[in-house]
Amino acid sequence: MKNYSQILLAVLVVLLFFGSTAQEAQDQSIVSGFLGAWIVNEELSDNTDDQVEEAIEAGGGKGSRGFFNRKEDFYRGGPVEQELYDRISYDDLLSISYQAPEFRFEYEGGWLRVFHTDGRRRSTTANDFYSEGGDDFSFANFDSEAIIVEARPRDGGFTLETYTLINNGSQLRVEMVLEPDSFREAIELVLIYDRVDGSSNDSNN
């Protein structure tokens, strides 16, 4: 009986190992097309300021731009606790790398998000990010051919981001629902990125 139990345990360990290896291979296959550097296509993307103002007005507020004030990135800025919203909705550049189970999303100026696909919550990091004494948390999972990222920014709000490849992998579509804690209505936004020339979609560095 003892030998039978040992054999059964050994079989379970082997099955778990190969199951985990197969899952990692499947995840890597999904991810490979997302890897590399991307730049926002402004013509195909929503205007972030327009979407922010729409959410403000939907919540009963009044936009502060005015009809003739079309300053770029007008609503960018504010409390440091809201930096995550600014980075993912305003930065033009995005670089994606993956080493199972860890994603690394790098934005302009080296601002970095690190998160995992195995259920772990990981703090976003950037330069002297922790000097403010708070953390953002992001985590991801795969849904068919999409990468779903959820985040809990330091202000107590919420983000839901859906990343999919379009046009045979030459473009990245990011659908966002951003819910800053101070907003009554969510900001809904779609950004389209073009792959940067020479950026490999097979690199995982």
C-alpha atoms as a PDB file:
ATOM      1  CA  MET A   1       0.000   0.000   0.000  1.00  0.00           C
ATOM      2  CA  LYS A   2       2.873   2.296   0.835  1.00  0.00           C
ATOM      3  CA  ASN A   3       4.507   1.668  -2.533  1.00  0.00           C
ATOM      4  CA  TYR A   4       1.199   2.321  -4.300  1.00  0.00           C
ATOM      5  CA  SER A   5       0.836   5.674  -2.535  1.00  0.00           C
ATOM      6  CA  GLN A   6       4.378   6.653  -3.452  1.00  0.00           C
ATOM      7  CA  ILE A   7       3.796   5.741  -7.091  1.00  0.00           C
ATOM      8  CA  LEU A   8       0.529   7.687  -7.160  1.00  0.00           C
ATOM      9  CA  LEU A   9       2.243  10.712  -5.641  1.00  0.00           C
ATOM     10  CA  ALA A  10       5.050  10.500  -8.193  1.00  0.00           C
ATOM     11  CA  VAL A  11       2.529  10.316 -11.046  1.00  0.00           C
ATOM     12  CA  LEU A  12       0.674  13.362  -9.721  1.00  0.00           C
ATOM     13  CA  VAL A  13       3.914  15.335  -9.478  1.00  0.00           C
ATOM     14  CA  VAL A  14       4.797  14.438 -13.076  1.00  0.00           C
ATOM     15  CA  LEU A  15       1.323  15.386 -14.312  1.00  0.00           C
ATOM     16  CA  LEU A  16       1.448  18.706 -12.485  1.00  0.00           C
ATOM     17  CA  PHE A  17       4.880  19.439 -13.926  1.00  0.00           C
ATOM     18  CA  PHE A  18       3.903  18.713 -17.510  1.00  0.00           C
ATOM     19  CA  GLY A  19       0.581  20.485 -17.071  1.00  0.00           C
ATOM     20  CA  SER A  20       2.373  23.576 -15.823  1.00  0.00           C
ATOM     21  CA  THR A  21       4.919  23.377 -18.643  1.00  0.00           C
ATOM     22  CA  ALA A  22       2.177  23.017 -21.252  1.00  0.00           C
ATOM     23  CA  GLN A  23       0.290  26.008 -19.810  1.00  0.00           C
ATOM     24  CA  GLU A  24       3.429  28.149 -19.883  1.00  0.00           C
ATOM     25  CA  ALA A  25       4.053  27.161 -23.510  1.00  0.00           C
ATOM     26  CA  GLN A  26       0.468  28.066 -24.403  1.00  0.00           C
ATOM     27  CA  ASP A  27       0.731  31.397 -22.607  1.00  0.00           C
ATOM     28  CA  GLN A  28       4.029  32.172 -24.340  1.00  0.00           C
ATOM     29  CA  SER A  29       2.436  31.412 -27.708  1.00  0.00           C
ATOM     30  CA  ILE A  30      -0.385  33.881 -27.020  1.00  0.00           C
ATOM     31  CA  VAL A  31       1.979  36.542 -25.735  1.00  0.00           C
ATOM     32  CA  SER A  32       4.622  36.424 -28.471  1.00  0.00           C
ATOM     33  CA  GLY A  33       2.728  38.705 -30.838  1.00  0.00           C
ATOM     34  CA  PHE A  34       2.364  41.401 -28.178  1.00  0.00           C
ATOM     35  CA  LEU A  35       6.072  41.694 -27.419  1.00  0.00           C
ATOM     36  CA  GLY A  36       8.147  44.624 -28.585  1.00  0.00           C
ATOM     37  CA  ALA A  37       7.748  48.382 -28.898  1.00  0.00           C
ATOM     38  CA  TRP A  38       4.545  50.190 -29.841  1.00  0.00           C
ATOM     39  CA  ILE A  39       3.582  53.796 -30.592  1.00  0.00           C
ATOM     40  CA  VAL A  40       0.099  55.314 -30.446  1.00  0.00           C
ATOM     41  CA  ASN A  41      -1.636  55.970 -33.755  1.00  0.00           C
ATOM     42  CA  GLU A  42      -3.379  59.247 -32.919  1.00  0.00           C
ATOM     43  CA  GLU A  43      -5.619  59.187 -35.986  1.00  0.00           C
ATOM     44  CA  LEU A  44      -7.158  55.838 -35.072  1.00  0.00           C
ATOM     45  CA  SER A  45      -7.249  56.324 -31.301  1.00  0.00           C
ATOM     46  CA  ASP A  46      -9.739  58.096 -29.081  1.00  0.00           C
ATOM     47  CA  ASN A  47      -8.610  61.464 -27.790  1.00  0.00           C
ATOM     48  CA  THR A  48      -7.955  60.984 -24.088  1.00  0.00           C
ATOM     49  CA  ASP A  49      -8.923  64.554 -23.169  1.00  0.00           C
ATOM     50  CA  ASP A  50     -12.247  64.179 -24.993  1.00  0.00           C
ATOM     51  CA  GLN A  51     -13.024  60.944 -23.166  1.00  0.00           C
ATOM     52  CA  VAL A  52     -12.052  62.378 -19.778  1.00  0.00           C
ATOM     53  CA  GLU A  53     -14.284  65.389 -20.360  1.00  0.00           C
ATOM     54  CA  GLU A  54     -17.139  63.147 -21.459  1.00  0.00           C
ATOM     55  CA  ALA A  55     -16.865  61.194 -18.199  1.00  0.00           C
ATOM     56  CA  ILE A  56     -16.755  64.395 -16.143  1.00  0.00           C
ATOM     57  CA  GLU A  57     -19.919  65.710 -17.794  1.00  0.00           C
ATOM     58  CA  ALA A  58     -21.666  62.316 -17.562  1.00  0.00           C
ATOM     59  CA  GLY A  59     -21.069  62.485 -13.821  1.00  0.00           C
ATOM     60  CA  GLY A  60     -22.732  65.880 -13.550  1.00  0.00           C
ATOM     61  CA  GLY A  61     -19.580  67.985 -13.707  1.00  0.00           C
ATOM     62  CA  LYS A  62     -18.435  70.563 -16.223  1.00  0.00           C
ATOM     63  CA  GLY A  63     -15.352  70.258 -18.399  1.00  0.00           C
ATOM     64  CA  SER A  64     -12.771  72.965 -17.837  1.00  0.00           C
ATOM     65  CA  ARG A  65     -11.121  73.131 -21.259  1.00  0.00           C
ATOM     66  CA  GLY A  66     -13.509  75.524 -22.907  1.00  0.00           C
ATOM     67  CA  PHE A  67     -14.432  75.420 -26.595  1.00  0.00           C
ATOM     68  CA  PHE A  68     -11.281  77.112 -27.882  1.00  0.00           C
ATOM     69  CA  ASN A  69      -8.792  75.523 -25.488  1.00  0.00           C
ATOM     70  CA  ARG A  70      -7.379  72.491 -27.291  1.00  0.00           C
ATOM     71  CA  LYS A  71      -4.111  72.222 -25.405  1.00  0.00           C
ATOM     72  CA  GLU A  72      -2.716  68.720 -25.803  1.00  0.00           C
ATOM     73  CA  ASP A  73      -2.928  66.490 -22.712  1.00  0.00           C
ATOM     74  CA  PHE A  74      -5.027  69.118 -20.946  1.00  0.00           C
ATOM     75  CA  TYR A  75      -6.291  66.813 -18.207  1.00  0.00           C
ATOM     76  CA  ARG A  76      -2.986  65.099 -17.613  1.00  0.00           C
ATOM     77  CA  GLY A  77      -1.448  65.666 -14.197  1.00  0.00           C
ATOM     78  CA  GLY A  78      -2.897  66.002 -10.761  1.00  0.00           C
ATOM     79  CA  PRO A  79      -2.256  63.946  -7.634  1.00  0.00           C
ATOM     80  CA  VAL A  80       0.615  61.462  -7.815  1.00  0.00           C
ATOM     81  CA  GLU A  81      -1.854  58.764  -6.761  1.00  0.00           C
ATOM     82  CA  GLN A  82      -3.429  59.084 -10.226  1.00  0.00           C
ATOM     83  CA  GLU A  83      -0.225  58.696 -12.236  1.00  0.00           C
ATOM     84  CA  LEU A  84      -1.122  55.214 -13.440  1.00  0.00           C
ATOM     85  CA  TYR A  85      -4.192  56.558 -15.262  1.00  0.00           C
ATOM     86  CA  ASP A  86      -2.058  59.205 -16.976  1.00  0.00           C
ATOM     87  CA  ARG A  87       0.616  56.752 -18.048  1.00  0.00           C
ATOM     88  CA  ILE A  88      -1.651  54.197 -19.654  1.00  0.00           C
ATOM     89  CA  SER A  89      -3.929  56.741 -21.354  1.00  0.00           C
ATOM     90  CA  TYR A  90      -1.568  59.575 -22.348  1.00  0.00           C
ATOM     91  CA  ASP A  91       1.904  58.113 -22.962  1.00  0.00           C
ATOM     92  CA  ASP A  92       2.543  57.517 -26.674  1.00  0.00           C
ATOM     93  CA  LEU A  93       5.154  54.783 -26.264  1.00  0.00           C
ATOM     94  CA  LEU A  94       4.729  51.310 -24.807  1.00  0.00           C
ATOM     95  CA  SER A  95       7.215  48.449 -24.681  1.00  0.00           C
ATOM     96  CA  ILE A  96       6.038  44.965 -23.686  1.00  0.00           C
ATOM     97  CA  SER A  97       8.190  42.064 -22.514  1.00  0.00           C
ATOM     98  CA  TYR A  98       7.267  38.769 -20.877  1.00  0.00           C
ATOM     99  CA  GLN A  99       9.040  36.020 -18.990  1.00  0.00           C
ATOM    100  CA  ALA A 100       6.441  33.635 -17.602  1.00  0.00           C
ATOM    101  CA  PRO A 101       4.629  34.493 -15.446  1.00  0.00           C
ATOM    102  CA  GLU A 102       5.895  38.110 -15.367  1.00  0.00           C
ATOM    103  CA  PHE A 103       4.893  40.966 -17.673  1.00  0.00           C
ATOM    104  CA  ARG A 104       6.890  44.186 -17.906  1.00  0.00           C
ATOM    105  CA  PHE A 105       5.147  47.180 -19.500  1.00  0.00           C
ATOM    106  CA  GLU A 106       7.494  50.141 -19.934  1.00  0.00           C
ATOM    107  CA  TYR A 107       6.166  53.605 -20.730  1.00  0.00           C
ATOM    108  CA  GLU A 108       7.844  56.930 -21.506  1.00  0.00           C
ATOM    109  CA  GLY A 109      10.757  57.960 -19.309  1.00  0.00           C
ATOM    110  CA  GLY A 110      11.331  54.379 -18.158  1.00  0.00           C
ATOM    111  CA  TRP A 111       8.120  54.237 -16.111  1.00  0.00           C
ATOM    112  CA  LEU A 112       7.579  50.537 -15.453  1.00  0.00           C
ATOM    113  CA  ARG A 113       4.667  48.281 -14.558  1.00  0.00           C
ATOM    114  CA  VAL A 114       5.493  44.758 -13.439  1.00  0.00           C
ATOM    115  CA  PHE A 115       2.709  42.238 -12.930  1.00  0.00           C
ATOM    116  CA  HIS A 116       2.013  38.522 -13.149  1.00  0.00           C
ATOM    117  CA  THR A 117      -0.390  36.069 -14.761  1.00  0.00           C
ATOM    118  CA  ASP A 118      -0.345  33.530 -11.918  1.00  0.00           C
ATOM    119  CA  GLY A 119      -2.598  35.427  -9.534  1.00  0.00           C
ATOM    120  CA  ARG A 120       0.093  37.354  -7.701  1.00  0.00           C
ATOM    121  CA  ARG A 121      -0.500  41.044  -7.074  1.00  0.00           C
ATOM    122  CA  ARG A 122       2.534  43.098  -7.928  1.00  0.00           C
ATOM    123  CA  SER A 123       3.294  46.737  -7.246  1.00  0.00           C
ATOM    124  CA  THR A 124       3.912  49.072 -10.148  1.00  0.00           C
ATOM    125  CA  THR A 125       7.379  50.582  -9.961  1.00  0.00           C
ATOM    126  CA  ALA A 126       9.025  53.622 -11.448  1.00  0.00           C
ATOM    127  CA  ASN A 127      12.138  55.624 -10.695  1.00  0.00           C
ATOM    128  CA  ASP A 128      11.610  56.888  -7.110  1.00  0.00           C
ATOM    129  CA  PHE A 129       8.015  55.636  -7.097  1.00  0.00           C
ATOM    130  CA  TYR A 130       7.914  54.488  -3.485  1.00  0.00           C
ATOM    131  CA  SER A 131       9.017  57.831  -2.058  1.00  0.00           C
ATOM    132  CA  GLU A 132       5.340  58.785  -1.967  1.00  0.00           C
ATOM    133  CA  GLY A 133       4.549  55.887   0.340  1.00  0.00           C
ATOM    134  CA  GLY A 134       1.892  54.179  -1.774  1.00  0.00           C
ATOM    135  CA  ASP A 135       1.599  51.336  -4.240  1.00  0.00           C
ATOM    136  CA  ASP A 136      -0.352  50.567  -7.384  1.00  0.00           C
ATOM    137  CA  PHE A 137      -1.247  46.926  -8.001  1.00  0.00           C
ATOM    138  CA  SER A 138      -1.710  45.270 -11.382  1.00  0.00           C
ATOM    139  CA  PHE A 139      -2.417  41.674 -12.369  1.00  0.00           C
ATOM    140  CA  ALA A 140      -3.236  39.934 -15.652  1.00  0.00           C
ATOM    141  CA  ASN A 141      -4.832  36.883 -17.193  1.00  0.00           C
ATOM    142  CA  PHE A 142      -5.383  35.478 -20.658  1.00  0.00           C
ATOM    143  CA  ASP A 143      -8.791  35.342 -22.337  1.00  0.00           C
ATOM    144  CA  SER A 144      -8.575  33.519 -25.659  1.00  0.00           C
ATOM    145  CA  GLU A 145      -6.261  35.746 -27.733  1.00  0.00           C
ATOM    146  CA  ALA A 146      -6.502  38.756 -25.405  1.00  0.00           C
ATOM    147  CA  ILE A 147      -4.513  39.915 -22.402  1.00  0.00           C
ATOM    148  CA  ILE A 148      -6.723  41.285 -19.631  1.00  0.00           C
ATOM    149  CA  VAL A 149      -5.058  43.585 -17.107  1.00  0.00           C
ATOM    150  CA  GLU A 150      -6.732  44.835 -13.941  1.00  0.00           C
ATOM    151  CA  ALA A 151      -5.199  47.457 -11.681  1.00  0.00           C
ATOM    152  CA  ARG A 152      -5.882  49.105  -8.354  1.00  0.00           C
ATOM    153  CA  PRO A 153      -4.227  52.537  -8.471  1.00  0.00           C
ATOM    154  CA  ARG A 154      -3.158  54.243  -5.274  1.00  0.00           C
ATOM    155  CA  ASP A 155      -6.156  56.577  -5.246  1.00  0.00           C
ATOM    156  CA  GLY A 156      -8.480  53.637  -4.570  1.00  0.00           C
ATOM    157  CA  GLY A 157      -9.880  53.492  -8.100  1.00  0.00           C
ATOM    158  CA  PHE A 158      -9.869  50.748 -10.696  1.00  0.00           C
ATOM    159  CA  THR A 159      -8.766  50.047 -14.263  1.00  0.00           C
ATOM    160  CA  LEU A 160      -9.666  47.292 -16.700  1.00  0.00           C
ATOM    161  CA  GLU A 161      -7.528  47.028 -19.839  1.00  0.00           C
ATOM    162  CA  THR A 162      -8.054  44.595 -22.729  1.00  0.00           C
ATOM    163  CA  TYR A 163      -5.130  44.121 -25.135  1.00  0.00           C
ATOM    164  CA  THR A 164      -5.723  42.469 -28.525  1.00  0.00           C
ATOM    165  CA  LEU A 165      -3.783  42.277 -31.779  1.00  0.00           C
ATOM    166  CA  ILE A 166      -5.375  43.489 -35.020  1.00  0.00           C
ATOM    167  CA  ASN A 167      -4.355  43.705 -38.684  1.00  0.00           C
ATOM    168  CA  ASN A 168      -2.282  40.522 -38.588  1.00  0.00           C
ATOM    169  CA  GLY A 169      -0.381  41.635 -35.520  1.00  0.00           C
ATOM    170  CA  SER A 170       0.824  44.932 -36.950  1.00  0.00           C
ATOM    171  CA  GLN A 171      -1.352  46.920 -34.540  1.00  0.00           C
ATOM    172  CA  LEU A 172      -2.268  46.674 -30.876  1.00  0.00           C
ATOM    173  CA  ARG A 173      -5.764  47.598 -29.711  1.00  0.00           C
ATOM    174  CA  VAL A 174      -6.195  48.594 -26.071  1.00  0.00           C
ATOM    175  CA  GLU A 175      -9.686  49.034 -24.695  1.00  0.00           C
ATOM    176  CA  MET A 176      -9.695  50.742 -21.301  1.00  0.00           C
ATOM    177  CA  VAL A 177     -12.200  51.396 -18.570  1.00  0.00           C
ATOM    178  CA  LEU A 178     -10.671  53.815 -16.067  1.00  0.00           C
ATOM    179  CA  GLU A 179     -12.438  54.597 -12.807  1.00  0.00           C
ATOM    180  CA  PRO A 180     -10.520  57.158 -10.742  1.00  0.00           C
ATOM    181  CA  ASP A 181     -11.863  57.323  -7.209  1.00  0.00           C
ATOM    182  CA  SER A 182     -12.804  60.988  -7.644  1.00  0.00           C
ATOM    183  CA  PHE A 183     -14.929  60.337 -10.778  1.00  0.00           C
ATOM    184  CA  ARG A 184     -18.614  59.503 -10.695  1.00  0.00           C
ATOM    185  CA  GLU A 185     -18.508  57.910 -14.145  1.00  0.00           C
ATOM    186  CA  ALA A 186     -15.860  55.724 -15.778  1.00  0.00           C
ATOM    187  CA  ILE A 187     -13.597  56.943 -18.560  1.00  0.00           C
ATOM    188  CA  GLU A 188     -13.962  54.658 -21.584  1.00  0.00           C
ATOM    189  CA  LEU A 189     -11.123  54.818 -24.059  1.00  0.00           C
ATOM    190  CA  VAL A 190      -9.710  52.888 -27.037  1.00  0.00           C
ATOM    191  CA  LEU A 191      -6.110  53.345 -28.152  1.00  0.00           C
ATOM    192  CA  ILE A 192      -4.579  51.860 -31.299  1.00  0.00           C
ATOM    193  CA  TYR A 193      -0.810  51.340 -31.385  1.00  0.00           C
ATOM    194  CA  ASP A 194       1.419  50.696 -34.396  1.00  0.00           C
ATOM    195  CA  ARG A 195       4.358  48.360 -34.043  1.00  0.00           C
ATOM    196  CA  VAL A 196       7.622  50.298 -34.082  1.00  0.00           C
ATOM    197  CA  ASP A 197       9.678  49.440 -37.187  1.00  0.00           C
ATOM    198  CA  GLY A 198      12.320  46.854 -36.380  1.00  0.00           C
ATOM    199  CA  SER A 199      10.611  45.819 -33.158  1.00  0.00           C
ATOM    200  CA  SER A 200      10.608  42.043 -32.932  1.00  0.00           C
ATOM    201  CA  ASN A 201       7.456  40.255 -31.864  1.00  0.00           C
ATOM    202  CA  ASP A 202       9.465  37.213 -30.805  1.00  0.00           C
ATOM    203  CA  SER A 203      11.670  38.812 -28.171  1.00  0.00           C
ATOM    204  CA  ASN A 204      11.000  38.176 -24.492  1.00  0.00           C
ATOM    205  CA  ASN A 205      13.770  40.317 -23.096  1.00  0.00           C
END
